[in-house]
Amino acid sequence: MSVTPESVKELLRSDDFGQRLSAINQLRQLDPAIAFELIQPAIADQSVRVRYAAVSQMSTLGSQNAPLSLEILRRCLLEDPEPDVQAAAADALGALKLTEAYEDLERLYHQTPEWLVKFSIVACLGELGDPRSFSLLEAALQSDNELVKTAAIGSLGELGDERALPLILPYASNPDWQIRYRVAQALSRFDHPEARAALEQLTQDEMEPVAQEAKSYLG
């Protein structure tokens, strides 16, 4: 059976959340402009799983209408009761580079007790590319959560602000190889002698994935 706007609409109206979830997945087969219209009611669905799936697709569909997407995602970020949905909204805001939401992301980072939301905010800031995020990322490096800290290293690399180098470089010798791996990725963003020297050091790392990552950038 072929997927049409009408068939997806019917599934979205179903009382079965599984069918509504299936409809969200089928939106990928429709014209993005049509899918963008159809996905909007699903973002307010009573099922967390449906809302999460719908908000996650906004990372691509949101480009159809940036101002409206900003309004929708900002509401999800600040008002949805589920951390998973808030995290997906942060991801989408970063992917769409909606820098107008930066202050909302910053405020929520400092207010939320949810590590997943903090992690998603920090991870999205590199993609968002807003220079204002430097201070927040610097603070995130002091997080007790290793995943948040690792995401901050990655986003500081993506941001490309050379003030990040003295913050990132000490992690090149961190005991956690996954952090060293992320450091290698981050340092590749900087055209700076100190970054290159640290990458050369990492080519000798005892963990092969770290060494290979450093070599791939130097090569």
N, C-alpha and C. Protein backbone atom coordinates (compact mmCIF):
# COMPACT_ATOMS: atom_id res chain seq x y z
N MET A 1 0.85 -1.20 0.00
CA MET A 1 0.00 0.00 0.00
C MET A 1 0.88 1.25 0.00
N SER A 2 0.63 2.14 -0.92
CA SER A 2 1.45 3.34 -1.04
C SER A 2 1.10 4.33 0.07
N VAL A 3 2.11 5.12 0.43
CA VAL A 3 1.93 6.13 1.46
C VAL A 3 1.48 7.43 0.80
N THR A 4 0.36 7.96 1.26
CA THR A 4 -0.17 9.22 0.73
C THR A 4 -0.47 10.15 1.90
N PRO A 5 -0.62 11.44 1.63
CA PRO A 5 -1.01 12.35 2.72
C PRO A 5 -2.30 11.91 3.41
N GLU A 6 -3.23 11.37 2.62
CA GLU A 6 -4.51 10.95 3.19
C GLU A 6 -4.33 9.74 4.10
N SER A 7 -3.50 8.78 3.68
CA SER A 7 -3.30 7.58 4.51
C SER A 7 -2.57 7.93 5.81
N VAL A 8 -1.65 8.90 5.72
CA VAL A 8 -0.93 9.31 6.93
C VAL A 8 -1.87 10.06 7.87
N LYS A 9 -2.71 10.92 7.31
CA LYS A 9 -3.68 11.65 8.13
C LYS A 9 -4.57 10.68 8.89
N GLU A 10 -4.99 9.63 8.21
CA GLU A 10 -5.87 8.64 8.85
C GLU A 10 -5.16 7.97 10.03
N LEU A 11 -3.90 7.60 9.82
CA LEU A 11 -3.15 6.98 10.90
C LEU A 11 -2.93 7.94 12.07
N LEU A 12 -2.70 9.20 11.76
CA LEU A 12 -2.48 10.20 12.81
C LEU A 12 -3.72 10.42 13.67
N ARG A 13 -4.89 10.12 13.11
CA ARG A 13 -6.13 10.26 13.87
C ARG A 13 -6.50 9.01 14.65
N SER A 14 -5.71 7.96 14.52
CA SER A 14 -6.01 6.68 15.17
C SER A 14 -5.94 6.78 16.69
N ASP A 15 -6.75 5.97 17.37
CA ASP A 15 -6.68 5.88 18.83
C ASP A 15 -5.49 5.03 19.29
N ASP A 16 -4.90 4.31 18.36
CA ASP A 16 -3.77 3.43 18.65
C ASP A 16 -2.47 4.23 18.49
N PHE A 17 -1.76 4.41 19.60
CA PHE A 17 -0.55 5.24 19.51
C PHE A 17 0.48 4.60 18.58
N GLY A 18 0.45 3.28 18.45
CA GLY A 18 1.38 2.60 17.55
C GLY A 18 1.15 3.00 16.10
N GLN A 19 -0.10 3.17 15.73
CA GLN A 19 -0.41 3.62 14.37
C GLN A 19 0.00 5.08 14.18
N ARG A 20 -0.19 5.88 15.21
CA ARG A 20 0.23 7.28 15.11
C ARG A 20 1.74 7.37 14.99
N LEU A 21 2.43 6.50 15.72
CA LEU A 21 3.89 6.47 15.63
C LEU A 21 4.33 6.03 14.24
N SER A 22 3.63 5.07 13.68
CA SER A 22 3.91 4.61 12.31
C SER A 22 3.72 5.75 11.31
N ALA A 23 2.69 6.56 11.55
CA ALA A 23 2.42 7.69 10.66
C ALA A 23 3.58 8.68 10.66
N ILE A 24 4.15 8.92 11.84
CA ILE A 24 5.30 9.84 11.94
C ILE A 24 6.45 9.31 11.08
N ASN A 25 6.70 8.02 11.15
CA ASN A 25 7.78 7.43 10.36
C ASN A 25 7.49 7.52 8.86
N GLN A 26 6.22 7.37 8.49
CA GLN A 26 5.84 7.42 7.07
C GLN A 26 5.94 8.83 6.48
N LEU A 27 5.96 9.83 7.34
CA LEU A 27 6.09 11.20 6.84
C LEU A 27 7.36 11.39 6.03
N ARG A 28 8.37 10.56 6.29
CA ARG A 28 9.63 10.67 5.55
C ARG A 28 9.46 10.38 4.06
N GLN A 29 8.37 9.71 3.73
CA GLN A 29 8.14 9.35 2.34
C GLN A 29 7.30 10.40 1.59
N LEU A 30 6.89 11.43 2.29
CA LEU A 30 6.07 12.47 1.67
C LEU A 30 6.90 13.70 1.34
N ASP A 31 6.34 14.55 0.51
CA ASP A 31 6.97 15.83 0.22
C ASP A 31 7.19 16.58 1.54
N PRO A 32 8.39 17.14 1.77
CA PRO A 32 8.67 17.79 3.06
C PRO A 32 7.69 18.90 3.43
N ALA A 33 7.21 19.64 2.45
CA ALA A 33 6.26 20.72 2.76
C ALA A 33 4.95 20.15 3.31
N ILE A 34 4.50 19.04 2.74
CA ILE A 34 3.28 18.38 3.22
C ILE A 34 3.54 17.75 4.59
N ALA A 35 4.68 17.09 4.71
CA ALA A 35 5.02 16.44 5.98
C ALA A 35 5.11 17.46 7.12
N PHE A 36 5.62 18.65 6.81
CA PHE A 36 5.74 19.68 7.84
C PHE A 36 4.37 20.09 8.37
N GLU A 37 3.41 20.18 7.47
CA GLU A 37 2.05 20.53 7.90
C GLU A 37 1.44 19.42 8.75
N LEU A 38 1.64 18.18 8.32
CA LEU A 38 1.01 17.06 9.01
C LEU A 38 1.64 16.77 10.37
N ILE A 39 2.91 17.10 10.53
CA ILE A 39 3.60 16.73 11.77
C ILE A 39 3.24 17.64 12.94
N GLN A 40 2.75 18.82 12.64
CA GLN A 40 2.54 19.80 13.70
C GLN A 40 1.56 19.34 14.79
N PRO A 41 0.40 18.78 14.45
CA PRO A 41 -0.49 18.30 15.52
C PRO A 41 0.13 17.18 16.35
N ALA A 42 0.98 16.35 15.72
CA ALA A 42 1.59 15.22 16.42
C ALA A 42 2.55 15.69 17.50
N ILE A 43 3.04 16.90 17.38
CA ILE A 43 3.97 17.43 18.37
C ILE A 43 3.27 17.67 19.71
N ALA A 44 1.94 17.73 19.67
CA ALA A 44 1.16 17.89 20.90
C ALA A 44 0.44 16.59 21.27
N ASP A 45 0.84 15.47 20.70
CA ASP A 45 0.19 14.18 20.95
C ASP A 45 0.27 13.82 22.43
N GLN A 46 -0.73 13.05 22.90
CA GLN A 46 -0.73 12.64 24.31
C GLN A 46 0.35 11.61 24.62
N SER A 47 0.82 10.90 23.59
CA SER A 47 1.87 9.90 23.79
C SER A 47 3.25 10.54 23.72
N VAL A 48 4.05 10.27 24.75
CA VAL A 48 5.42 10.80 24.77
C VAL A 48 6.21 10.29 23.57
N ARG A 49 6.04 9.02 23.25
CA ARG A 49 6.81 8.43 22.14
C ARG A 49 6.45 9.09 20.82
N VAL A 50 5.20 9.42 20.62
CA VAL A 50 4.79 10.09 19.38
C VAL A 50 5.35 11.51 19.36
N ARG A 51 5.24 12.21 20.48
CA ARG A 51 5.78 13.58 20.53
C ARG A 51 7.28 13.57 20.27
N TYR A 52 7.98 12.64 20.89
CA TYR A 52 9.43 12.56 20.71
C TYR A 52 9.78 12.32 19.23
N ALA A 53 9.09 11.36 18.61
CA ALA A 53 9.36 11.05 17.20
C ALA A 53 9.08 12.25 16.31
N ALA A 54 7.99 12.97 16.62
CA ALA A 54 7.61 14.13 15.81
C ALA A 54 8.62 15.26 15.96
N VAL A 55 9.00 15.56 17.20
CA VAL A 55 9.95 16.64 17.44
C VAL A 55 11.31 16.31 16.83
N SER A 56 11.70 15.04 16.89
CA SER A 56 12.98 14.63 16.30
C SER A 56 13.02 14.90 14.81
N GLN A 57 11.89 14.70 14.12
CA GLN A 57 11.86 14.94 12.67
C GLN A 57 11.91 16.42 12.32
N MET A 58 11.64 17.27 13.30
CA MET A 58 11.72 18.71 13.03
C MET A 58 13.14 19.14 12.68
N SER A 59 14.13 18.33 13.02
CA SER A 59 15.51 18.66 12.68
C SER A 59 15.68 18.88 11.18
N THR A 60 14.88 18.15 10.39
CA THR A 60 14.93 18.31 8.94
C THR A 60 13.72 19.06 8.40
N LEU A 61 12.54 18.70 8.88
CA LEU A 61 11.31 19.33 8.35
C LEU A 61 11.19 20.79 8.73
N GLY A 62 11.83 21.17 9.85
CA GLY A 62 11.70 22.55 10.32
C GLY A 62 12.22 23.59 9.37
N SER A 63 13.06 23.19 8.44
CA SER A 63 13.60 24.15 7.47
C SER A 63 12.52 24.67 6.51
N GLN A 64 11.37 24.04 6.51
CA GLN A 64 10.27 24.50 5.66
C GLN A 64 9.74 25.87 6.09
N ASN A 65 9.83 26.13 7.39
CA ASN A 65 9.33 27.41 7.91
C ASN A 65 10.06 27.69 9.22
N ALA A 66 11.18 28.39 9.12
CA ALA A 66 12.04 28.60 10.28
C ALA A 66 11.35 29.37 11.42
N PRO A 67 10.63 30.47 11.14
CA PRO A 67 9.98 31.20 12.24
C PRO A 67 8.96 30.35 12.99
N LEU A 68 8.15 29.58 12.26
CA LEU A 68 7.16 28.73 12.91
C LEU A 68 7.84 27.60 13.66
N SER A 69 8.89 27.05 13.08
CA SER A 69 9.63 25.98 13.74
C SER A 69 10.24 26.47 15.05
N LEU A 70 10.76 27.69 15.03
CA LEU A 70 11.31 28.27 16.25
C LEU A 70 10.25 28.35 17.34
N GLU A 71 9.08 28.79 16.97
CA GLU A 71 7.98 28.91 17.93
C GLU A 71 7.58 27.54 18.50
N ILE A 72 7.47 26.55 17.61
CA ILE A 72 7.07 25.20 18.02
C ILE A 72 8.13 24.58 18.92
N LEU A 73 9.38 24.64 18.49
CA LEU A 73 10.45 23.98 19.24
C LEU A 73 10.74 24.68 20.56
N ARG A 74 10.59 25.98 20.58
CA ARG A 74 10.78 26.71 21.84
C ARG A 74 9.72 26.27 22.86
N ARG A 75 8.51 26.08 22.39
CA ARG A 75 7.44 25.62 23.28
C ARG A 75 7.74 24.22 23.81
N CYS A 76 8.21 23.34 22.93
CA CYS A 76 8.57 21.97 23.34
C CYS A 76 9.72 21.99 24.35
N LEU A 77 10.69 22.83 24.09
CA LEU A 77 11.87 22.92 24.95
C LEU A 77 11.50 23.37 26.36
N LEU A 78 10.63 24.36 26.45
CA LEU A 78 10.36 24.99 27.74
C LEU A 78 9.12 24.47 28.45
N GLU A 79 8.18 23.87 27.70
CA GLU A 79 6.90 23.53 28.31
C GLU A 79 6.58 22.05 28.34
N ASP A 80 7.22 21.23 27.49
CA ASP A 80 6.89 19.81 27.52
C ASP A 80 7.36 19.20 28.85
N PRO A 81 6.54 18.36 29.46
CA PRO A 81 6.89 17.79 30.77
C PRO A 81 7.91 16.65 30.70
N GLU A 82 8.21 16.17 29.48
CA GLU A 82 9.10 15.01 29.35
C GLU A 82 10.50 15.42 28.91
N PRO A 83 11.52 15.03 29.67
CA PRO A 83 12.90 15.36 29.31
C PRO A 83 13.29 14.87 27.91
N ASP A 84 12.80 13.70 27.50
CA ASP A 84 13.14 13.19 26.17
C ASP A 84 12.71 14.16 25.08
N VAL A 85 11.52 14.72 25.23
CA VAL A 85 10.99 15.65 24.22
C VAL A 85 11.76 16.97 24.27
N GLN A 86 12.05 17.44 25.48
CA GLN A 86 12.86 18.66 25.60
C GLN A 86 14.23 18.47 24.94
N ALA A 87 14.83 17.31 25.16
CA ALA A 87 16.14 17.02 24.57
C ALA A 87 16.06 17.00 23.05
N ALA A 88 15.00 16.39 22.52
CA ALA A 88 14.82 16.35 21.06
C ALA A 88 14.63 17.75 20.50
N ALA A 89 13.95 18.62 21.24
CA ALA A 89 13.75 20.00 20.80
C ALA A 89 15.09 20.74 20.74
N ALA A 90 15.93 20.53 21.74
CA ALA A 90 17.26 21.14 21.72
C ALA A 90 18.05 20.66 20.52
N ASP A 91 18.02 19.37 20.26
CA ASP A 91 18.73 18.81 19.10
C ASP A 91 18.27 19.49 17.81
N ALA A 92 16.95 19.64 17.67
CA ALA A 92 16.40 20.22 16.45
C ALA A 92 16.76 21.69 16.31
N LEU A 93 16.74 22.42 17.42
CA LEU A 93 17.12 23.84 17.36
C LEU A 93 18.56 24.00 16.90
N GLY A 94 19.43 23.10 17.36
CA GLY A 94 20.82 23.14 16.92
C GLY A 94 20.96 22.80 15.45
N ALA A 95 20.28 21.73 15.04
CA ALA A 95 20.37 21.29 13.65
C ALA A 95 19.88 22.37 12.68
N LEU A 96 18.85 23.10 13.10
CA LEU A 96 18.28 24.15 12.25
C LEU A 96 18.99 25.49 12.41
N LYS A 97 19.98 25.52 13.33
CA LYS A 97 20.76 26.74 13.60
C LYS A 97 19.86 27.93 13.95
N LEU A 98 18.88 27.67 14.81
CA LEU A 98 17.96 28.72 15.23
C LEU A 98 18.56 29.44 16.44
N THR A 99 19.49 30.34 16.15
CA THR A 99 20.23 31.03 17.21
C THR A 99 19.33 31.92 18.07
N GLU A 100 18.14 32.22 17.57
CA GLU A 100 17.21 33.03 18.36
C GLU A 100 16.82 32.33 19.66
N ALA A 101 17.01 31.01 19.71
CA ALA A 101 16.64 30.24 20.90
C ALA A 101 17.78 30.12 21.89
N TYR A 102 18.92 30.75 21.61
CA TYR A 102 20.08 30.55 22.48
C TYR A 102 19.79 30.88 23.94
N GLU A 103 19.18 32.01 24.20
CA GLU A 103 18.94 32.41 25.59
C GLU A 103 18.03 31.42 26.31
N ASP A 104 17.07 30.85 25.58
CA ASP A 104 16.20 29.83 26.17
C ASP A 104 17.01 28.58 26.53
N LEU A 105 17.89 28.17 25.64
CA LEU A 105 18.73 27.00 25.89
C LEU A 105 19.64 27.24 27.09
N GLU A 106 20.22 28.42 27.16
CA GLU A 106 21.12 28.74 28.27
C GLU A 106 20.37 28.73 29.60
N ARG A 107 19.20 29.35 29.61
CA ARG A 107 18.43 29.42 30.85
C ARG A 107 18.01 28.03 31.31
N LEU A 108 17.54 27.21 30.36
CA LEU A 108 17.10 25.87 30.72
C LEU A 108 18.26 25.02 31.22
N TYR A 109 19.43 25.18 30.62
CA TYR A 109 20.60 24.42 31.08
C TYR A 109 20.84 24.64 32.56
N HIS A 110 20.74 25.87 32.99
CA HIS A 110 21.01 26.19 34.39
C HIS A 110 19.85 25.84 35.33
N GLN A 111 18.65 25.65 34.76
CA GLN A 111 17.48 25.40 35.61
C GLN A 111 17.12 23.91 35.72
N THR A 112 17.34 23.15 34.65
CA THR A 112 16.85 21.77 34.65
C THR A 112 17.71 20.86 35.54
N PRO A 113 17.06 19.92 36.23
CA PRO A 113 17.81 18.91 36.98
C PRO A 113 18.12 17.67 36.12
N GLU A 114 17.61 17.66 34.88
CA GLU A 114 17.69 16.48 34.02
C GLU A 114 19.01 16.45 33.25
N TRP A 115 19.82 15.42 33.49
CA TRP A 115 21.12 15.35 32.81
C TRP A 115 20.96 15.21 31.30
N LEU A 116 19.90 14.50 30.87
CA LEU A 116 19.71 14.30 29.43
C LEU A 116 19.44 15.62 28.72
N VAL A 117 18.66 16.48 29.36
CA VAL A 117 18.38 17.80 28.78
C VAL A 117 19.65 18.63 28.74
N LYS A 118 20.41 18.61 29.84
CA LYS A 118 21.69 19.34 29.86
C LYS A 118 22.61 18.84 28.74
N PHE A 119 22.70 17.51 28.61
CA PHE A 119 23.56 16.92 27.59
C PHE A 119 23.14 17.38 26.19
N SER A 120 21.85 17.33 25.90
CA SER A 120 21.38 17.70 24.56
C SER A 120 21.61 19.17 24.27
N ILE A 121 21.43 20.01 25.28
CA ILE A 121 21.69 21.44 25.09
C ILE A 121 23.16 21.67 24.77
N VAL A 122 24.03 21.07 25.56
CA VAL A 122 25.47 21.24 25.33
C VAL A 122 25.87 20.69 23.96
N ALA A 123 25.35 19.52 23.62
CA ALA A 123 25.69 18.90 22.34
C ALA A 123 25.20 19.73 21.15
N CYS A 124 24.06 20.40 21.31
CA CYS A 124 23.49 21.15 20.18
C CYS A 124 24.22 22.47 19.95
N LEU A 125 24.93 22.97 20.96
CA LEU A 125 25.51 24.31 20.84
C LEU A 125 26.61 24.39 19.80
N GLY A 126 27.33 23.29 19.58
CA GLY A 126 28.33 23.30 18.52
C GLY A 126 27.71 23.51 17.16
N GLU A 127 26.62 22.77 16.91
CA GLU A 127 25.91 22.93 15.63
C GLU A 127 25.28 24.31 15.53
N LEU A 128 24.74 24.79 16.64
CA LEU A 128 24.08 26.10 16.63
C LEU A 128 25.05 27.19 16.21
N GLY A 129 26.30 27.08 16.71
CA GLY A 129 27.35 28.00 16.26
C GLY A 129 27.24 29.42 16.76
N ASP A 130 26.55 29.63 17.87
CA ASP A 130 26.40 30.98 18.41
C ASP A 130 27.58 31.29 19.34
N PRO A 131 28.33 32.34 19.05
CA PRO A 131 29.51 32.67 19.88
C PRO A 131 29.17 32.88 21.35
N ARG A 132 27.92 33.25 21.65
CA ARG A 132 27.53 33.49 23.04
C ARG A 132 27.62 32.22 23.89
N SER A 133 27.67 31.07 23.25
CA SER A 133 27.64 29.81 24.00
C SER A 133 28.97 29.45 24.64
N PHE A 134 30.02 30.22 24.36
CA PHE A 134 31.34 29.87 24.89
C PHE A 134 31.32 29.73 26.41
N SER A 135 30.74 30.70 27.10
CA SER A 135 30.74 30.68 28.57
C SER A 135 29.98 29.48 29.11
N LEU A 136 28.85 29.16 28.48
CA LEU A 136 28.07 28.00 28.93
C LEU A 136 28.86 26.72 28.75
N LEU A 137 29.53 26.58 27.61
CA LEU A 137 30.32 25.39 27.35
C LEU A 137 31.51 25.30 28.31
N GLU A 138 32.09 26.44 28.64
CA GLU A 138 33.18 26.45 29.61
C GLU A 138 32.68 25.94 30.96
N ALA A 139 31.48 26.35 31.35
CA ALA A 139 30.89 25.88 32.61
C ALA A 139 30.57 24.39 32.53
N ALA A 140 30.10 23.94 31.37
CA ALA A 140 29.73 22.53 31.21
C ALA A 140 30.93 21.60 31.35
N LEU A 141 32.13 22.11 31.07
CA LEU A 141 33.34 21.31 31.25
C LEU A 141 33.55 20.92 32.72
N GLN A 142 32.91 21.64 33.63
CA GLN A 142 33.05 21.35 35.06
C GLN A 142 31.93 20.44 35.55
N SER A 143 31.11 19.94 34.64
CA SER A 143 29.99 19.08 35.03
C SER A 143 30.48 17.79 35.69
N ASP A 144 29.69 17.29 36.62
CA ASP A 144 29.99 16.01 37.24
C ASP A 144 29.64 14.85 36.32
N ASN A 145 28.86 15.14 35.29
CA ASN A 145 28.43 14.11 34.35
C ASN A 145 29.44 14.02 33.20
N GLU A 146 30.05 12.85 33.03
CA GLU A 146 31.09 12.69 32.02
C GLU A 146 30.56 12.88 30.60
N LEU A 147 29.31 12.50 30.37
CA LEU A 147 28.74 12.67 29.03
C LEU A 147 28.55 14.15 28.69
N VAL A 148 28.11 14.92 29.67
CA VAL A 148 27.97 16.36 29.47
C VAL A 148 29.33 16.99 29.20
N LYS A 149 30.32 16.57 29.98
CA LYS A 149 31.68 17.09 29.81
C LYS A 149 32.23 16.76 28.41
N THR A 150 32.01 15.53 27.98
CA THR A 150 32.49 15.11 26.66
C THR A 150 31.80 15.89 25.55
N ALA A 151 30.49 16.11 25.72
CA ALA A 151 29.75 16.90 24.73
C ALA A 151 30.27 18.32 24.67
N ALA A 152 30.65 18.87 25.83
CA ALA A 152 31.17 20.24 25.86
C ALA A 152 32.48 20.35 25.09
N ILE A 153 33.33 19.35 25.21
CA ILE A 153 34.59 19.34 24.45
C ILE A 153 34.30 19.37 22.95
N GLY A 154 33.37 18.52 22.53
CA GLY A 154 33.01 18.47 21.12
C GLY A 154 32.44 19.78 20.61
N SER A 155 31.55 20.38 21.40
CA SER A 155 30.92 21.63 20.96
C SER A 155 31.90 22.79 20.96
N LEU A 156 32.84 22.81 21.91
CA LEU A 156 33.87 23.85 21.89
C LEU A 156 34.72 23.73 20.63
N GLY A 157 34.97 22.50 20.20
CA GLY A 157 35.69 22.31 18.95
C GLY A 157 34.91 22.84 17.77
N GLU A 158 33.63 22.51 17.72
CA GLU A 158 32.79 22.98 16.60
C GLU A 158 32.68 24.50 16.60
N LEU A 159 32.65 25.09 17.78
CA LEU A 159 32.52 26.55 17.86
C LEU A 159 33.75 27.24 17.26
N GLY A 160 34.92 26.60 17.43
CA GLY A 160 36.13 27.11 16.77
C GLY A 160 36.73 28.35 17.39
N ASP A 161 36.32 28.69 18.59
CA ASP A 161 36.86 29.86 19.29
C ASP A 161 38.19 29.45 19.93
N GLU A 162 39.29 30.13 19.56
CA GLU A 162 40.61 29.71 20.04
C GLU A 162 40.78 29.86 21.55
N ARG A 163 39.87 30.59 22.20
CA ARG A 163 39.90 30.64 23.67
C ARG A 163 39.65 29.27 24.27
N ALA A 164 39.10 28.36 23.47
CA ALA A 164 38.80 27.02 23.97
C ALA A 164 40.04 26.14 24.08
N LEU A 165 41.09 26.48 23.36
CA LEU A 165 42.27 25.60 23.34
C LEU A 165 42.84 25.31 24.74
N PRO A 166 43.08 26.32 25.58
CA PRO A 166 43.60 26.00 26.91
C PRO A 166 42.62 25.22 27.78
N LEU A 167 41.35 25.25 27.40
CA LEU A 167 40.35 24.47 28.14
C LEU A 167 40.34 23.02 27.70
N ILE A 168 40.56 22.79 26.40
CA ILE A 168 40.48 21.45 25.83
C ILE A 168 41.78 20.67 26.01
N LEU A 169 42.92 21.34 25.85
CA LEU A 169 44.21 20.65 25.80
C LEU A 169 44.50 19.74 27.01
N PRO A 170 44.15 20.15 28.24
CA PRO A 170 44.43 19.26 29.38
C PRO A 170 43.73 17.91 29.28
N TYR A 171 42.65 17.84 28.54
CA TYR A 171 41.90 16.58 28.43
C TYR A 171 42.56 15.60 27.46
N ALA A 172 43.61 16.04 26.78
CA ALA A 172 44.31 15.15 25.86
C ALA A 172 44.99 13.99 26.59
N SER A 173 45.19 14.16 27.90
CA SER A 173 45.79 13.08 28.70
C SER A 173 44.80 12.51 29.71
N ASN A 174 43.51 12.73 29.47
CA ASN A 174 42.49 12.22 30.38
C ASN A 174 42.51 10.69 30.41
N PRO A 175 42.29 10.06 31.57
CA PRO A 175 42.30 8.59 31.64
C PRO A 175 41.22 7.92 30.79
N ASP A 176 40.13 8.62 30.53
CA ASP A 176 39.03 8.07 29.74
C ASP A 176 39.35 8.23 28.25
N TRP A 177 39.53 7.10 27.56
CA TRP A 177 39.92 7.18 26.15
C TRP A 177 38.84 7.81 25.28
N GLN A 178 37.58 7.70 25.70
CA GLN A 178 36.51 8.31 24.91
C GLN A 178 36.58 9.83 24.95
N ILE A 179 37.04 10.35 26.08
CA ILE A 179 37.26 11.80 26.17
C ILE A 179 38.44 12.19 25.28
N ARG A 180 39.51 11.39 25.30
CA ARG A 180 40.67 11.69 24.44
C ARG A 180 40.27 11.64 22.97
N TYR A 181 39.40 10.71 22.64
CA TYR A 181 38.90 10.59 21.26
C TYR A 181 38.16 11.87 20.85
N ARG A 182 37.32 12.35 21.76
CA ARG A 182 36.58 13.58 21.46
C ARG A 182 37.53 14.77 21.38
N VAL A 183 38.56 14.77 22.19
CA VAL A 183 39.57 15.84 22.13
C VAL A 183 40.25 15.86 20.76
N ALA A 184 40.58 14.67 20.25
CA ALA A 184 41.20 14.60 18.92
C ALA A 184 40.28 15.21 17.87
N GLN A 185 39.00 14.91 17.96
CA GLN A 185 38.04 15.49 17.02
C GLN A 185 37.98 17.01 17.16
N ALA A 186 37.92 17.46 18.42
CA ALA A 186 37.80 18.90 18.67
C ALA A 186 39.03 19.67 18.19
N LEU A 187 40.22 19.13 18.46
CA LEU A 187 41.45 19.84 18.10
C LEU A 187 41.62 19.96 16.59
N SER A 188 41.01 19.06 15.85
CA SER A 188 41.13 19.11 14.39
C SER A 188 40.49 20.37 13.80
N ARG A 189 39.70 21.06 14.61
CA ARG A 189 39.01 22.26 14.14
C ARG A 189 39.89 23.50 14.22
N PHE A 190 41.05 23.36 14.86
CA PHE A 190 41.88 24.54 15.11
C PHE A 190 43.17 24.49 14.29
N ASP A 191 43.44 25.57 13.58
CA ASP A 191 44.70 25.70 12.85
C ASP A 191 45.67 26.44 13.76
N HIS A 192 46.24 25.69 14.70
CA HIS A 192 47.07 26.33 15.72
C HIS A 192 48.18 25.34 16.11
N PRO A 193 49.40 25.84 16.31
CA PRO A 193 50.52 24.94 16.63
C PRO A 193 50.27 24.06 17.86
N GLU A 194 49.63 24.60 18.89
CA GLU A 194 49.38 23.80 20.10
C GLU A 194 48.41 22.67 19.81
N ALA A 195 47.43 22.94 18.98
CA ALA A 195 46.47 21.90 18.61
C ALA A 195 47.16 20.80 17.83
N ARG A 196 48.01 21.20 16.90
CA ARG A 196 48.74 20.21 16.10
C ARG A 196 49.68 19.37 16.97
N ALA A 197 50.35 20.01 17.91
CA ALA A 197 51.27 19.28 18.78
C ALA A 197 50.52 18.25 19.63
N ALA A 198 49.35 18.63 20.10
CA ALA A 198 48.55 17.69 20.90
C ALA A 198 48.05 16.54 20.04
N LEU A 199 47.67 16.83 18.80
CA LEU A 199 47.23 15.77 17.89
C LEU A 199 48.38 14.80 17.59
N GLU A 200 49.57 15.34 17.43
CA GLU A 200 50.73 14.47 17.18
C GLU A 200 50.97 13.54 18.37
N GLN A 201 50.77 14.08 19.57
CA GLN A 201 50.89 13.26 20.78
C GLN A 201 49.83 12.16 20.77
N LEU A 202 48.64 12.51 20.37
CA LEU A 202 47.53 11.55 20.38
C LEU A 202 47.68 10.46 19.32
N THR A 203 48.52 10.69 18.31
CA THR A 203 48.75 9.63 17.32
C THR A 203 49.47 8.44 17.95
N GLN A 204 50.05 8.65 19.13
CA GLN A 204 50.75 7.58 19.84
C GLN A 204 49.89 7.00 20.97
N ASP A 205 48.63 7.36 20.98
CA ASP A 205 47.74 6.92 22.07
C ASP A 205 47.65 5.39 22.11
N GLU A 206 47.54 4.86 23.33
CA GLU A 206 47.47 3.41 23.50
C GLU A 206 46.18 2.81 22.95
N MET A 207 45.15 3.65 22.83
CA MET A 207 43.88 3.18 22.26
C MET A 207 43.87 3.47 20.76
N GLU A 208 43.73 2.44 19.96
CA GLU A 208 43.82 2.57 18.51
C GLU A 208 42.81 3.57 17.93
N PRO A 209 41.53 3.58 18.40
CA PRO A 209 40.58 4.56 17.82
C PRO A 209 41.04 6.00 18.01
N VAL A 210 41.66 6.29 19.17
CA VAL A 210 42.14 7.65 19.42
C VAL A 210 43.31 7.97 18.49
N ALA A 211 44.25 7.05 18.40
CA ALA A 211 45.42 7.27 17.55
C ALA A 211 45.01 7.46 16.09
N GLN A 212 44.09 6.62 15.64
CA GLN A 212 43.65 6.71 14.24
C GLN A 212 42.92 8.03 13.97
N GLU A 213 42.12 8.47 14.93
CA GLU A 213 41.40 9.73 14.75
C GLU A 213 42.39 10.89 14.61
N ALA A 214 43.41 10.91 15.46
CA ALA A 214 44.42 11.97 15.38
C ALA A 214 45.18 11.90 14.06
N LYS A 215 45.56 10.68 13.65
CA LYS A 215 46.30 10.52 12.40
C LYS A 215 45.48 10.96 11.20
N SER A 216 44.19 10.69 11.23
CA SER A 216 43.35 11.04 10.07
C SER A 216 43.33 12.54 9.83
N TYR A 217 43.41 13.33 10.88
CA TYR A 217 43.41 14.78 10.73
C TYR A 217 44.79 15.31 10.33
N LEU A 218 45.83 14.73 10.93
CA LEU A 218 47.17 15.18 10.58
C LEU A 218 47.56 14.76 9.17
N GLY A 219 47.03 13.61 8.75
CA GLY A 219 47.35 13.11 7.41
C GLY A 219 46.74 13.96 6.31
